[in-house]
Protein backbone atom coordinates (compact mmCIF):
# COMPACT_ATOMS: atom_id res chain seq x y z
CA MET A 1 4.01 -7.79 5.97
CA SER A 2 7.34 -7.41 4.26
CA THR A 3 9.34 -10.30 3.01
CA ALA A 4 12.78 -8.63 3.41
CA PRO A 5 15.33 -10.74 5.16
CA VAL A 6 16.22 -9.80 8.66
CA VAL A 7 19.78 -8.74 9.19
CA GLU A 8 21.34 -9.40 12.51
CA PRO A 9 22.80 -6.32 14.17
CA LYS A 10 26.18 -7.97 14.73
CA ALA A 11 26.54 -8.91 11.05
CA ALA A 12 25.54 -5.41 9.94
CA ALA A 13 28.13 -3.85 12.18
CA THR A 14 30.84 -6.20 10.81
CA LEU A 15 29.95 -5.30 7.23
CA GLN A 16 30.01 -1.62 8.09
CA ASP A 17 33.44 -1.91 9.76
CA GLU A 18 34.83 -3.81 6.82
CA HIS A 19 33.54 -1.24 4.36
CA GLU A 20 35.10 1.59 6.32
CA SER A 21 38.44 -0.18 6.58
CA ILE A 22 38.50 -0.68 2.82
CA LEU A 23 37.86 3.00 2.17
CA ASP A 24 40.32 4.15 4.83
CA ALA A 25 43.13 1.93 3.55
CA PRO A 26 45.90 3.74 1.68
CA ALA A 27 46.12 3.22 -2.03
CA PRO A 28 48.80 0.69 -3.11
CA VAL A 29 52.00 2.27 -4.21
CA GLY A 30 54.24 0.91 -6.96
CA LEU A 31 53.71 -1.79 -9.49
CA SER A 32 51.92 -5.04 -8.87
CA ARG A 33 53.97 -8.22 -9.02
CA PRO A 34 52.53 -9.39 -12.40
CA THR A 35 53.06 -5.97 -13.98
CA LEU A 36 56.68 -5.84 -12.70
CA ILE A 37 57.42 -9.39 -14.01
CA ARG A 38 55.85 -8.53 -17.37
CA GLY A 39 58.00 -5.39 -17.56
CA VAL A 40 61.20 -7.19 -16.72
CA VAL A 41 60.51 -9.96 -19.24
CA THR A 42 59.64 -7.38 -21.99
CA THR A 43 62.88 -5.49 -21.21
CA VAL A 44 65.00 -8.64 -21.37
CA VAL A 45 63.39 -9.72 -24.71
CA VAL A 46 63.79 -6.20 -26.23
CA LEU A 47 67.50 -6.03 -25.17
CA ALA A 48 68.16 -9.53 -26.48
CA LEU A 49 66.62 -8.57 -29.86
CA GLY A 50 68.65 -5.36 -29.81
CA PHE A 51 71.88 -7.29 -29.42
CA LEU A 52 70.89 -9.41 -32.49
CA VAL A 53 70.45 -6.37 -34.76
CA PRO A 54 74.11 -6.19 -35.89
CA TRP A 55 73.88 -9.77 -37.20
CA LEU A 56 70.58 -9.09 -38.92
CA ILE A 57 71.47 -5.76 -40.55
CA SER A 58 74.80 -5.59 -42.32
CA ASP A 59 74.25 -2.46 -44.48
CA PRO A 60 75.57 0.67 -42.72
CA TYR A 61 72.70 2.77 -44.17
CA TYR A 62 70.04 0.62 -42.62
CA MET A 63 72.02 0.31 -39.39
CA ASN A 64 72.00 4.17 -39.16
CA ILE A 65 68.24 4.23 -39.77
CA ALA A 66 67.76 1.65 -37.00
CA ALA A 67 70.01 3.58 -34.61
CA ASP A 68 68.19 6.83 -35.37
CA GLY A 69 64.87 5.08 -34.76
CA VAL A 70 66.04 3.84 -31.37
CA VAL A 71 67.28 7.23 -30.29
CA LEU A 72 64.14 9.02 -31.43
CA GLY A 73 62.04 6.30 -29.74
CA ILE A 74 63.82 6.97 -26.47
CA LEU A 75 63.12 10.73 -26.96
CA ALA A 76 59.42 9.95 -27.52
CA ILE A 77 59.31 7.69 -24.43
CA GLY A 78 60.74 10.55 -22.37
CA ILE A 79 58.04 12.95 -23.67
CA GLY A 80 55.35 10.34 -22.97
CA PHE A 81 56.71 9.67 -19.48
CA LEU A 82 56.65 13.39 -18.63
CA ALA A 83 53.11 13.77 -20.01
CA HIS A 84 51.79 10.68 -18.22
CA ARG A 85 53.45 11.18 -14.86
CA SER A 86 53.15 14.91 -14.41
CA GLY A 87 50.53 15.95 -16.93
CA LEU A 88 52.97 18.42 -18.52
CA ILE A 89 53.54 18.57 -22.26
CA SER A 90 57.06 19.76 -23.18
CA LEU A 91 58.13 21.13 -26.52
CA GLY A 92 61.70 21.58 -25.37
CA HIS A 93 62.94 18.00 -25.35
CA THR A 94 64.77 18.60 -28.57
CA ALA A 95 67.02 21.17 -26.84
CA PHE A 96 68.45 18.40 -24.62
CA TYR A 97 68.68 16.05 -27.51
CA GLY A 98 70.49 18.64 -29.65
CA ALA A 99 72.80 19.71 -26.85
CA ALA A 100 73.87 16.09 -26.22
CA ALA A 101 74.35 15.52 -29.98
CA TYR A 102 76.48 18.65 -30.26
CA GLY A 103 78.35 17.60 -27.12
CA VAL A 104 79.41 14.28 -28.67
CA ALA A 105 80.26 15.88 -32.04
CA ILE A 106 82.30 18.73 -30.55
CA ALA A 107 84.12 16.52 -28.05
CA MET A 108 85.10 14.06 -30.82
CA ALA A 109 85.75 16.44 -33.72
CA GLU A 110 87.25 19.40 -31.95
CA TRP A 111 88.84 17.93 -28.85
CA GLY A 112 89.75 14.44 -30.17
CA TRP A 113 88.01 12.53 -27.37
CA ALA A 114 87.11 8.83 -27.63
CA PRO A 115 83.46 7.98 -28.25
CA LEU A 116 82.83 6.77 -24.69
CA GLN A 117 84.25 9.89 -23.15
CA ALA A 118 82.31 12.05 -25.56
CA ALA A 119 79.07 10.19 -24.82
CA ILE A 120 79.56 10.62 -21.07
CA PHE A 121 80.30 14.31 -21.61
CA ALA A 122 77.14 14.63 -23.74
CA VAL A 123 74.97 12.95 -21.09
CA ILE A 124 76.28 15.22 -18.40
CA GLY A 125 75.91 18.31 -20.58
CA GLY A 126 72.36 17.48 -21.60
CA THR A 127 71.49 16.75 -17.97
CA VAL A 128 72.90 20.06 -16.77
CA LEU A 129 70.91 21.86 -19.45
CA ALA A 130 67.75 19.99 -18.53
CA VAL A 131 68.16 20.77 -14.77
CA GLY A 132 68.73 24.43 -15.58
CA ILE A 133 65.70 24.72 -17.84
CA GLY A 134 63.63 22.59 -15.55
CA ALA A 135 64.43 24.70 -12.55
CA LEU A 136 63.20 27.82 -14.42
CA SER A 137 60.07 26.27 -15.88
CA ILE A 138 58.79 23.67 -13.34
CA ARG A 139 56.52 26.03 -11.52
CA LEU A 140 54.43 26.72 -14.61
CA THR A 141 51.62 24.42 -15.69
CA GLY A 142 49.57 23.95 -18.85
CA PHE A 143 50.03 26.30 -21.73
CA GLY A 144 52.65 28.39 -19.87
CA PHE A 145 54.88 25.38 -19.44
CA LEU A 146 54.37 24.38 -23.06
CA MET A 147 55.33 27.82 -24.36
CA LEU A 148 58.27 28.28 -22.03
CA THR A 149 59.80 24.98 -23.00
CA LEU A 150 59.28 25.84 -26.66
CA ALA A 151 60.97 29.19 -26.08
CA PHE A 152 64.01 27.50 -24.52
CA ALA A 153 64.21 25.01 -27.41
CA GLN A 154 64.09 27.86 -29.92
CA ALA A 155 66.73 29.82 -28.00
CA ALA A 156 69.05 26.81 -28.07
CA TYR A 157 68.40 26.44 -31.82
CA GLN A 158 69.18 30.12 -32.43
CA LEU A 159 72.37 29.89 -30.40
CA SER A 160 73.52 26.89 -32.54
CA ILE A 161 73.21 28.72 -35.77
CA LEU A 162 74.79 32.00 -34.87
CA THR A 163 77.47 33.26 -37.23
CA SER A 164 79.99 33.57 -34.36
CA VAL A 165 79.73 29.83 -33.53
CA ARG A 166 79.47 28.53 -37.09
CA GLU A 167 82.98 27.02 -36.97
CA VAL A 168 82.09 25.04 -33.85
CA THR A 169 78.52 23.99 -34.52
CA GLY A 170 78.37 23.94 -38.29
CA ALA A 171 75.24 26.16 -38.20
CA PHE A 172 72.57 24.81 -40.55
CA ASP A 173 74.76 21.97 -41.86
CA GLY A 174 75.51 20.60 -38.38
CA LEU A 175 78.56 18.52 -37.58
CA GLY A 176 79.66 15.21 -39.02
CA ILE A 177 81.68 12.72 -37.06
CA ALA A 178 84.02 10.30 -38.85
CA PHE A 179 84.67 7.06 -36.97
CA GLN A 180 87.73 4.96 -37.76
CA ALA A 181 87.06 1.32 -38.60
CA ASP A 182 88.71 0.12 -35.31
CA GLN A 183 87.12 2.83 -33.12
CA THR A 184 84.66 1.46 -30.56
CA PHE A 185 83.29 2.45 -27.21
């Protein structure tokens, strides 16, 4: 004789139905509430600390290093987001970064625009370049996507150092922007 417990047929059917309903249920979409709250709190704390930086760092040299670190950190977050969400590794992010930087510098130095207008122009210009390159390369995956984005970045670099555009881009030396003491966004 076996000593296994006897399972009632009704209870077995209920467990089977429950198991099937769990497997058939759609996967949850979006962030869970605790994850969302943690993200919002982290964002608020980081922004609050960011607003305190001008009172903590008074030397312009160290302020430039901090600003460069923030900008490059945002660039790295974009690369990580692309790699995590789509599984694509891009080597062409620097083309958008460089195009936006040249957009600000050219708009301010050559056209005499205010910093806010130049920044908006740079964001729009970088976005247009990204959409154009993205439309051409989004169908590729893996190594092909990696190499095509690298090719576009190198093409943008080569265009920026051409002899014919040296007066506009500064070629290898780049462009410098001089801000007046009272000039703000």
